[in-house]
Amino acid sequence: MKTKQLTLSALFTAIGVIAGSMIYIPVGISKCFPIQSSINVVSAVVLGPYYGTAIAFCISLIRNIIGTGSILAFLGSMIGAFLAGIIFYKTKNVLAAVAAEMFGTGILGGLLAFPIANLIMGTEVAALFFIPPFLISAIGGSIIAYCLVKILHSSKILILIKKKPKFRI
């Protein structure tokens, strides 16, 4: 089962880096990446909070290394992924995971971006400036993820992904 989780994590990370680097909405000094929020919700549902958070970290790290992201991506994406994973684990409700992603990335991530932008990036803006772009990104991406999870569930692909193998090698 560990191999399947690591493979899916690598796949989600690759999609997040490639699609996330190409699809963004510039808002002020931040960039809205709806794909990141989509991956946060899908990985929370499929893999859980810890893998989801690790995936969000890896996507943010790689995007920063290749120059397509900012340091602000770490907090929002990781908090959103973790909250979505925890809430889904407790409730088994995709809408609750979507709401947790929106709150984690959009509100908490936006609020925590202020001290990072102020102390590390040297940008002096109001803390509330970060909430709208983070929230727009989280809402758009979460809606995409909800639709994707519904499609995966109705086509039985999600059940096959989460199913444990019947044999061991």
N, C-alpha and C. Protein backbone atom coordinates (compact mmCIF):
# COMPACT_ATOMS: atom_id res chain seq x y z
N MET A 1 0.83 -1.19 0.00
CA MET A 1 0.00 0.00 0.00
C MET A 1 0.87 1.26 0.00
N LYS A 2 2.02 1.19 0.63
CA LYS A 2 2.91 2.34 0.69
C LYS A 2 3.37 2.77 -0.70
N THR A 3 3.64 1.81 -1.56
CA THR A 3 4.07 2.11 -2.92
C THR A 3 2.98 2.88 -3.67
N LYS A 4 1.73 2.47 -3.50
CA LYS A 4 0.62 3.15 -4.16
C LYS A 4 0.50 4.59 -3.66
N GLN A 5 0.64 4.79 -2.36
CA GLN A 5 0.55 6.14 -1.79
C GLN A 5 1.68 7.03 -2.29
N LEU A 6 2.89 6.49 -2.33
CA LEU A 6 4.03 7.28 -2.81
C LEU A 6 3.91 7.59 -4.30
N THR A 7 3.40 6.63 -5.07
CA THR A 7 3.22 6.85 -6.50
C THR A 7 2.17 7.93 -6.75
N LEU A 8 1.05 7.84 -6.04
CA LEU A 8 0.01 8.87 -6.18
C LEU A 8 0.53 10.23 -5.72
N SER A 9 1.32 10.24 -4.67
CA SER A 9 1.91 11.51 -4.19
C SER A 9 2.80 12.13 -5.26
N ALA A 10 3.62 11.31 -5.89
CA ALA A 10 4.49 11.81 -6.96
C ALA A 10 3.67 12.32 -8.14
N LEU A 11 2.60 11.60 -8.47
CA LEU A 11 1.72 12.02 -9.57
C LEU A 11 1.06 13.36 -9.25
N PHE A 12 0.49 13.50 -8.04
CA PHE A 12 -0.14 14.75 -7.65
C PHE A 12 0.87 15.90 -7.62
N THR A 13 2.08 15.61 -7.15
CA THR A 13 3.12 16.64 -7.12
C THR A 13 3.48 17.09 -8.53
N ALA A 14 3.65 16.14 -9.43
CA ALA A 14 3.99 16.48 -10.82
C ALA A 14 2.88 17.31 -11.46
N ILE A 15 1.64 16.91 -11.26
CA ILE A 15 0.52 17.68 -11.82
C ILE A 15 0.50 19.08 -11.24
N GLY A 16 0.72 19.17 -9.92
CA GLY A 16 0.72 20.48 -9.26
C GLY A 16 1.82 21.39 -9.76
N VAL A 17 2.98 20.85 -10.00
CA VAL A 17 4.10 21.67 -10.48
C VAL A 17 3.88 22.09 -11.94
N ILE A 18 3.49 21.14 -12.76
CA ILE A 18 3.35 21.45 -14.19
C ILE A 18 2.12 22.33 -14.45
N ALA A 19 0.95 21.86 -14.05
CA ALA A 19 -0.28 22.64 -14.29
C ALA A 19 -0.30 23.89 -13.42
N GLY A 20 0.18 23.76 -12.20
CA GLY A 20 0.18 24.90 -11.29
C GLY A 20 1.09 26.02 -11.75
N SER A 21 2.14 25.67 -12.44
CA SER A 21 3.05 26.69 -12.95
C SER A 21 2.47 27.41 -14.17
N MET A 22 1.60 26.74 -14.90
CA MET A 22 1.05 27.33 -16.10
C MET A 22 -0.26 28.06 -15.86
N ILE A 23 -1.05 27.59 -14.90
CA ILE A 23 -2.38 28.15 -14.68
C ILE A 23 -2.40 28.94 -13.38
N TYR A 24 -2.39 30.26 -13.48
CA TYR A 24 -2.47 31.10 -12.29
C TYR A 24 -3.13 32.43 -12.63
N ILE A 25 -3.59 33.08 -11.58
CA ILE A 25 -4.24 34.38 -11.72
C ILE A 25 -3.43 35.37 -10.90
N PRO A 26 -2.76 36.36 -11.53
CA PRO A 26 -1.99 37.33 -10.76
C PRO A 26 -2.93 38.32 -10.05
N VAL A 27 -2.72 38.47 -8.75
CA VAL A 27 -3.48 39.43 -7.95
C VAL A 27 -2.48 40.14 -7.04
N GLY A 28 -2.13 41.38 -7.37
CA GLY A 28 -1.15 42.11 -6.59
C GLY A 28 0.21 41.43 -6.65
N ILE A 29 0.84 41.27 -5.47
CA ILE A 29 2.16 40.62 -5.44
C ILE A 29 2.04 39.11 -5.33
N SER A 30 0.83 38.60 -5.16
CA SER A 30 0.67 37.15 -5.04
C SER A 30 0.08 36.59 -6.34
N LYS A 31 0.22 35.28 -6.48
CA LYS A 31 -0.35 34.58 -7.62
C LYS A 31 -1.35 33.56 -7.10
N CYS A 32 -2.53 33.55 -7.69
CA CYS A 32 -3.56 32.58 -7.29
C CYS A 32 -3.38 31.32 -8.13
N PHE A 33 -3.21 30.19 -7.46
CA PHE A 33 -3.02 28.90 -8.13
C PHE A 33 -4.18 27.97 -7.77
N PRO A 34 -5.26 27.99 -8.56
CA PRO A 34 -6.40 27.13 -8.23
C PRO A 34 -6.07 25.64 -8.30
N ILE A 35 -5.09 25.27 -9.11
CA ILE A 35 -4.71 23.86 -9.22
C ILE A 35 -4.19 23.34 -7.89
N GLN A 36 -3.47 24.18 -7.15
CA GLN A 36 -2.94 23.77 -5.85
C GLN A 36 -4.08 23.39 -4.91
N SER A 37 -5.12 24.20 -4.86
CA SER A 37 -6.26 23.89 -3.99
C SER A 37 -6.98 22.63 -4.47
N SER A 38 -7.06 22.44 -5.78
CA SER A 38 -7.67 21.21 -6.31
C SER A 38 -6.91 19.98 -5.84
N ILE A 39 -5.60 20.05 -5.94
CA ILE A 39 -4.77 18.92 -5.53
C ILE A 39 -4.86 18.73 -4.02
N ASN A 40 -4.94 19.82 -3.26
CA ASN A 40 -5.08 19.71 -1.81
C ASN A 40 -6.31 18.88 -1.44
N VAL A 41 -7.43 19.17 -2.06
CA VAL A 41 -8.67 18.46 -1.73
C VAL A 41 -8.62 17.01 -2.22
N VAL A 42 -8.21 16.81 -3.45
CA VAL A 42 -8.17 15.45 -4.00
C VAL A 42 -7.19 14.58 -3.21
N SER A 43 -6.02 15.10 -2.90
CA SER A 43 -5.05 14.31 -2.14
C SER A 43 -5.52 14.08 -0.71
N ALA A 44 -6.26 15.02 -0.14
CA ALA A 44 -6.82 14.83 1.21
C ALA A 44 -7.82 13.69 1.21
N VAL A 45 -8.65 13.62 0.18
CA VAL A 45 -9.66 12.57 0.09
C VAL A 45 -9.01 11.22 -0.21
N VAL A 46 -8.06 11.19 -1.12
CA VAL A 46 -7.46 9.93 -1.55
C VAL A 46 -6.39 9.43 -0.58
N LEU A 47 -5.55 10.34 -0.08
CA LEU A 47 -4.37 9.92 0.69
C LEU A 47 -4.37 10.33 2.16
N GLY A 48 -5.15 11.32 2.53
CA GLY A 48 -5.18 11.74 3.92
C GLY A 48 -4.38 13.00 4.19
N PRO A 49 -4.42 13.48 5.44
CA PRO A 49 -3.84 14.78 5.77
C PRO A 49 -2.32 14.85 5.67
N TYR A 50 -1.63 13.80 6.04
CA TYR A 50 -0.17 13.87 6.07
C TYR A 50 0.44 13.83 4.67
N TYR A 51 -0.06 12.94 3.84
CA TYR A 51 0.41 12.92 2.46
C TYR A 51 -0.01 14.20 1.73
N GLY A 52 -1.24 14.66 1.98
CA GLY A 52 -1.70 15.90 1.36
C GLY A 52 -0.83 17.08 1.71
N THR A 53 -0.44 17.18 2.97
CA THR A 53 0.42 18.27 3.42
C THR A 53 1.81 18.14 2.80
N ALA A 54 2.33 16.92 2.74
CA ALA A 54 3.65 16.69 2.13
C ALA A 54 3.62 17.04 0.64
N ILE A 55 2.54 16.70 -0.04
CA ILE A 55 2.40 17.03 -1.45
C ILE A 55 2.38 18.54 -1.64
N ALA A 56 1.61 19.24 -0.81
CA ALA A 56 1.55 20.71 -0.89
C ALA A 56 2.94 21.32 -0.66
N PHE A 57 3.69 20.77 0.30
CA PHE A 57 5.05 21.26 0.55
C PHE A 57 5.94 21.02 -0.66
N CYS A 58 5.90 19.82 -1.22
CA CYS A 58 6.75 19.50 -2.37
C CYS A 58 6.43 20.37 -3.58
N ILE A 59 5.15 20.58 -3.84
CA ILE A 59 4.76 21.44 -4.96
C ILE A 59 5.29 22.85 -4.74
N SER A 60 5.09 23.39 -3.54
CA SER A 60 5.57 24.74 -3.24
C SER A 60 7.09 24.82 -3.35
N LEU A 61 7.78 23.83 -2.84
CA LEU A 61 9.24 23.82 -2.89
C LEU A 61 9.75 23.79 -4.33
N ILE A 62 9.21 22.88 -5.12
CA ILE A 62 9.67 22.77 -6.51
C ILE A 62 9.34 24.03 -7.30
N ARG A 63 8.14 24.57 -7.09
CA ARG A 63 7.77 25.80 -7.80
C ARG A 63 8.69 26.95 -7.40
N ASN A 64 9.11 27.01 -6.15
CA ASN A 64 10.04 28.06 -5.73
C ASN A 64 11.42 27.84 -6.34
N ILE A 65 11.85 26.60 -6.40
CA ILE A 65 13.17 26.29 -6.97
C ILE A 65 13.24 26.66 -8.45
N ILE A 66 12.16 26.36 -9.19
CA ILE A 66 12.18 26.65 -10.63
C ILE A 66 11.70 28.07 -10.95
N GLY A 67 11.34 28.83 -9.92
CA GLY A 67 11.01 30.24 -10.11
C GLY A 67 9.60 30.54 -10.54
N THR A 68 8.67 29.60 -10.37
CA THR A 68 7.29 29.85 -10.77
C THR A 68 6.35 30.07 -9.58
N GLY A 69 6.89 30.09 -8.39
CA GLY A 69 6.06 30.30 -7.20
C GLY A 69 6.72 31.27 -6.25
N SER A 70 6.04 31.57 -5.18
CA SER A 70 6.62 32.45 -4.16
C SER A 70 6.60 31.73 -2.82
N ILE A 71 7.32 32.27 -1.88
CA ILE A 71 7.40 31.67 -0.55
C ILE A 71 6.03 31.67 0.14
N LEU A 72 5.14 32.54 -0.30
CA LEU A 72 3.81 32.62 0.29
C LEU A 72 2.99 31.35 0.03
N ALA A 73 3.39 30.58 -0.96
CA ALA A 73 2.63 29.37 -1.31
C ALA A 73 2.72 28.29 -0.23
N PHE A 74 3.80 28.27 0.52
CA PHE A 74 3.99 27.21 1.51
C PHE A 74 2.88 27.20 2.56
N LEU A 75 2.68 28.32 3.22
CA LEU A 75 1.73 28.34 4.33
C LEU A 75 0.31 28.03 3.91
N GLY A 76 -0.17 28.75 2.93
CA GLY A 76 -1.56 28.56 2.52
C GLY A 76 -1.85 27.15 2.05
N SER A 77 -0.99 26.65 1.17
CA SER A 77 -1.27 25.33 0.62
C SER A 77 -1.15 24.23 1.66
N MET A 78 -0.16 24.32 2.52
CA MET A 78 0.04 23.27 3.53
C MET A 78 -1.07 23.28 4.58
N ILE A 79 -1.48 24.46 5.01
CA ILE A 79 -2.57 24.55 5.99
C ILE A 79 -3.86 24.04 5.38
N GLY A 80 -4.15 24.46 4.15
CA GLY A 80 -5.36 24.01 3.48
C GLY A 80 -5.40 22.50 3.28
N ALA A 81 -4.29 21.93 2.85
CA ALA A 81 -4.23 20.48 2.64
C ALA A 81 -4.41 19.72 3.95
N PHE A 82 -3.74 20.20 4.99
CA PHE A 82 -3.84 19.52 6.28
C PHE A 82 -5.26 19.58 6.84
N LEU A 83 -5.87 20.77 6.82
CA LEU A 83 -7.24 20.90 7.33
C LEU A 83 -8.23 20.07 6.51
N ALA A 84 -8.09 20.10 5.18
CA ALA A 84 -8.98 19.30 4.33
C ALA A 84 -8.84 17.82 4.65
N GLY A 85 -7.61 17.37 4.84
CA GLY A 85 -7.36 15.96 5.16
C GLY A 85 -7.92 15.56 6.51
N ILE A 86 -7.70 16.38 7.51
CA ILE A 86 -8.21 16.08 8.87
C ILE A 86 -9.73 16.06 8.87
N ILE A 87 -10.33 17.06 8.26
CA ILE A 87 -11.80 17.14 8.25
C ILE A 87 -12.39 15.97 7.46
N PHE A 88 -11.79 15.63 6.31
CA PHE A 88 -12.31 14.49 5.56
C PHE A 88 -12.13 13.20 6.35
N TYR A 89 -11.01 13.03 7.01
CA TYR A 89 -10.75 11.83 7.81
C TYR A 89 -11.79 11.68 8.92
N LYS A 90 -12.17 12.80 9.54
CA LYS A 90 -13.14 12.76 10.64
C LYS A 90 -14.58 12.60 10.16
N THR A 91 -14.93 13.24 9.03
CA THR A 91 -16.32 13.29 8.59
C THR A 91 -16.66 12.40 7.39
N LYS A 92 -15.66 12.07 6.58
CA LYS A 92 -15.86 11.36 5.31
C LYS A 92 -16.79 12.14 4.38
N ASN A 93 -16.77 13.46 4.50
CA ASN A 93 -17.63 14.34 3.73
C ASN A 93 -16.76 15.23 2.85
N VAL A 94 -16.92 15.11 1.54
CA VAL A 94 -16.10 15.87 0.60
C VAL A 94 -16.39 17.36 0.70
N LEU A 95 -17.66 17.74 0.88
CA LEU A 95 -17.99 19.16 1.02
C LEU A 95 -17.33 19.76 2.26
N ALA A 96 -17.24 19.00 3.33
CA ALA A 96 -16.56 19.49 4.53
C ALA A 96 -15.07 19.68 4.26
N ALA A 97 -14.48 18.77 3.50
CA ALA A 97 -13.07 18.91 3.13
C ALA A 97 -12.86 20.13 2.24
N VAL A 98 -13.79 20.38 1.33
CA VAL A 98 -13.73 21.56 0.47
C VAL A 98 -13.79 22.83 1.31
N ALA A 99 -14.72 22.88 2.26
CA ALA A 99 -14.84 24.05 3.13
C ALA A 99 -13.57 24.24 3.97
N ALA A 100 -13.00 23.14 4.44
CA ALA A 100 -11.76 23.22 5.23
C ALA A 100 -10.60 23.75 4.39
N GLU A 101 -10.52 23.32 3.14
CA GLU A 101 -9.49 23.83 2.23
C GLU A 101 -9.66 25.32 2.01
N MET A 102 -10.90 25.75 1.77
CA MET A 102 -11.16 27.18 1.56
C MET A 102 -10.77 28.01 2.79
N PHE A 103 -11.13 27.51 3.96
CA PHE A 103 -10.80 28.23 5.20
C PHE A 103 -9.29 28.19 5.46
N GLY A 104 -8.69 27.02 5.30
CA GLY A 104 -7.27 26.88 5.59
C GLY A 104 -6.39 27.70 4.66
N THR A 105 -6.62 27.55 3.36
CA THR A 105 -5.81 28.29 2.39
C THR A 105 -6.27 29.74 2.28
N GLY A 106 -7.57 29.94 2.15
CA GLY A 106 -8.09 31.29 1.90
C GLY A 106 -7.99 32.24 3.07
N ILE A 107 -8.38 31.78 4.25
CA ILE A 107 -8.40 32.67 5.42
C ILE A 107 -7.10 32.56 6.22
N LEU A 108 -6.81 31.37 6.74
CA LEU A 108 -5.62 31.20 7.57
C LEU A 108 -4.34 31.45 6.78
N GLY A 109 -4.25 30.88 5.58
CA GLY A 109 -3.07 31.11 4.74
C GLY A 109 -2.90 32.58 4.38
N GLY A 110 -4.02 33.25 4.09
CA GLY A 110 -3.97 34.68 3.78
C GLY A 110 -3.51 35.51 4.96
N LEU A 111 -3.98 35.16 6.14
CA LEU A 111 -3.56 35.89 7.34
C LEU A 111 -2.09 35.64 7.67
N LEU A 112 -1.64 34.40 7.53
CA LEU A 112 -0.26 34.07 7.84
C LEU A 112 0.72 34.56 6.78
N ALA A 113 0.22 34.90 5.60
CA ALA A 113 1.09 35.44 4.55
C ALA A 113 1.59 36.83 4.91
N PHE A 114 0.83 37.55 5.71
CA PHE A 114 1.22 38.92 6.07
C PHE A 114 2.58 38.98 6.78
N PRO A 115 2.78 38.22 7.87
CA PRO A 115 4.10 38.33 8.51
C PRO A 115 5.24 37.85 7.62
N ILE A 116 4.98 36.85 6.78
CA ILE A 116 6.01 36.37 5.86
C ILE A 116 6.36 37.47 4.86
N ALA A 117 5.34 38.09 4.27
CA ALA A 117 5.58 39.16 3.29
C ALA A 117 6.26 40.35 3.96
N ASN A 118 5.88 40.63 5.18
CA ASN A 118 6.43 41.78 5.89
C ASN A 118 7.86 41.54 6.34
N LEU A 119 8.13 40.42 6.97
CA LEU A 119 9.45 40.15 7.56
C LEU A 119 10.47 39.62 6.55
N ILE A 120 10.05 38.69 5.71
CA ILE A 120 11.02 38.04 4.82
C ILE A 120 11.10 38.74 3.46
N MET A 121 9.95 39.08 2.90
CA MET A 121 9.95 39.68 1.57
C MET A 121 10.08 41.20 1.61
N GLY A 122 9.90 41.80 2.78
CA GLY A 122 10.03 43.25 2.93
C GLY A 122 8.89 44.04 2.32
N THR A 123 7.76 43.39 2.10
CA THR A 123 6.59 44.05 1.52
C THR A 123 5.69 44.54 2.64
N GLU A 124 5.39 45.82 2.63
CA GLU A 124 4.53 46.37 3.68
C GLU A 124 3.13 46.61 3.12
N VAL A 125 2.27 45.65 3.35
CA VAL A 125 0.87 45.76 2.94
C VAL A 125 0.01 45.28 4.10
N ALA A 126 -1.26 45.61 4.04
CA ALA A 126 -2.18 45.20 5.09
C ALA A 126 -2.40 43.69 5.05
N ALA A 127 -2.61 43.11 6.21
CA ALA A 127 -2.81 41.66 6.29
C ALA A 127 -4.03 41.23 5.49
N LEU A 128 -5.06 42.04 5.46
CA LEU A 128 -6.28 41.67 4.75
C LEU A 128 -6.10 41.68 3.23
N PHE A 129 -4.99 42.25 2.75
CA PHE A 129 -4.73 42.25 1.32
C PHE A 129 -4.55 40.84 0.78
N PHE A 130 -4.02 39.93 1.59
CA PHE A 130 -3.71 38.59 1.12
C PHE A 130 -4.93 37.67 1.12
N ILE A 131 -5.92 37.96 1.91
CA ILE A 131 -7.07 37.06 2.00
C ILE A 131 -7.83 36.95 0.68
N PRO A 132 -8.19 38.05 0.00
CA PRO A 132 -8.95 37.89 -1.26
C PRO A 132 -8.26 37.02 -2.31
N PRO A 133 -6.96 37.24 -2.64
CA PRO A 133 -6.38 36.37 -3.65
C PRO A 133 -6.27 34.91 -3.21
N PHE A 134 -5.91 34.69 -1.95
CA PHE A 134 -5.83 33.32 -1.46
C PHE A 134 -7.21 32.67 -1.47
N LEU A 135 -8.23 33.42 -1.09
CA LEU A 135 -9.59 32.89 -1.05
C LEU A 135 -10.13 32.61 -2.45
N ILE A 136 -9.86 33.50 -3.38
CA ILE A 136 -10.29 33.29 -4.78
C ILE A 136 -9.68 32.00 -5.32
N SER A 137 -8.40 31.83 -5.07
CA SER A 137 -7.70 30.62 -5.52
C SER A 137 -8.28 29.37 -4.87
N ALA A 138 -8.51 29.44 -3.56
CA ALA A 138 -9.03 28.28 -2.82
C ALA A 138 -10.45 27.93 -3.26
N ILE A 139 -11.28 28.92 -3.47
CA ILE A 139 -12.66 28.66 -3.89
C ILE A 139 -12.69 28.02 -5.27
N GLY A 140 -11.98 28.62 -6.22
CA GLY A 140 -11.95 28.07 -7.58
C GLY A 140 -11.39 26.67 -7.63
N GLY A 141 -10.27 26.46 -6.97
CA GLY A 141 -9.65 25.14 -6.96
C GLY A 141 -10.47 24.10 -6.23
N SER A 142 -11.12 24.51 -5.15
CA SER A 142 -11.94 23.57 -4.38
C SER A 142 -13.18 23.13 -5.15
N ILE A 143 -13.75 24.04 -5.91
CA ILE A 143 -14.91 23.68 -6.74
C ILE A 143 -14.48 22.68 -7.82
N ILE A 144 -13.33 22.94 -8.44
CA ILE A 144 -12.80 22.00 -9.43
C ILE A 144 -12.58 20.63 -8.78
N ALA A 145 -11.99 20.62 -7.59
CA ALA A 145 -11.70 19.36 -6.89
C ALA A 145 -12.97 18.62 -6.53
N TYR A 146 -13.98 19.34 -6.08
CA TYR A 146 -15.25 18.70 -5.72
C TYR A 146 -15.84 17.99 -6.94
N CYS A 147 -15.85 18.67 -8.07
CA CYS A 147 -16.36 18.05 -9.30
C CYS A 147 -15.52 16.84 -9.70
N LEU A 148 -14.21 16.96 -9.58
CA LEU A 148 -13.32 15.85 -9.92
C LEU A 148 -13.53 14.64 -9.01
N VAL A 149 -13.67 14.88 -7.71
CA VAL A 149 -13.90 13.78 -6.77
C VAL A 149 -15.25 13.12 -7.04
N LYS A 150 -16.26 13.92 -7.36
CA LYS A 150 -17.58 13.35 -7.69
C LYS A 150 -17.48 12.45 -8.93
N ILE A 151 -16.75 12.90 -9.94
CA ILE A 151 -16.57 12.11 -11.16
C ILE A 151 -15.80 10.83 -10.85
N LEU A 152 -14.72 10.96 -10.09
CA LEU A 152 -13.93 9.77 -9.74
C LEU A 152 -14.74 8.79 -8.91
N HIS A 153 -15.58 9.30 -8.03
CA HIS A 153 -16.40 8.43 -7.19
C HIS A 153 -17.50 7.74 -8.01
N SER A 154 -18.18 8.50 -8.85
CA SER A 154 -19.27 7.91 -9.63
C SER A 154 -18.76 6.92 -10.67
N SER A 155 -17.54 7.08 -11.14
CA SER A 155 -16.99 6.14 -12.11
C SER A 155 -16.26 4.97 -11.44
N LYS A 156 -16.31 4.92 -10.13
CA LYS A 156 -15.70 3.84 -9.32
C LYS A 156 -14.17 3.87 -9.33
N ILE A 157 -13.57 4.87 -9.96
CA ILE A 157 -12.11 4.97 -9.98
C ILE A 157 -11.58 5.25 -8.58
N LEU A 158 -12.27 6.10 -7.84
CA LEU A 158 -11.83 6.43 -6.48
C LEU A 158 -11.83 5.20 -5.58
N ILE A 159 -12.81 4.35 -5.75
CA ILE A 159 -12.88 3.11 -4.96
C ILE A 159 -11.70 2.20 -5.32
N LEU A 160 -11.39 2.10 -6.61
CA LEU A 160 -10.26 1.28 -7.04
C LEU A 160 -8.93 1.82 -6.52
N ILE A 161 -8.79 3.14 -6.51
CA ILE A 161 -7.55 3.76 -6.02
C ILE A 161 -7.35 3.47 -4.54
N LYS A 162 -8.43 3.56 -3.76
CA LYS A 162 -8.32 3.40 -2.31
C LYS A 162 -8.32 1.94 -1.86
N LYS A 163 -8.67 1.03 -2.77
CA LYS A 163 -8.76 -0.38 -2.44
C LYS A 163 -7.37 -0.96 -2.18
N LYS A 164 -7.29 -1.77 -1.14
CA LYS A 164 -6.03 -2.43 -0.81
C LYS A 164 -5.86 -3.64 -1.72
N PRO A 165 -4.62 -3.93 -2.10
CA PRO A 165 -4.40 -5.11 -2.94
C PRO A 165 -4.71 -6.39 -2.17
N LYS A 166 -5.15 -7.43 -2.89
CA LYS A 166 -5.55 -8.68 -2.26
C LYS A 166 -4.38 -9.63 -2.06
N PHE A 167 -3.23 -9.29 -2.59
CA PHE A 167 -2.09 -10.18 -2.45
C PHE A 167 -0.84 -9.35 -2.13
N ARG A 168 0.16 -10.04 -1.68
CA ARG A 168 1.45 -9.41 -1.40
C ARG A 168 2.53 -10.12 -2.19
N ILE A 169 3.51 -9.37 -2.59
CA ILE A 169 4.63 -9.97 -3.31
C ILE A 169 5.85 -9.95 -2.42
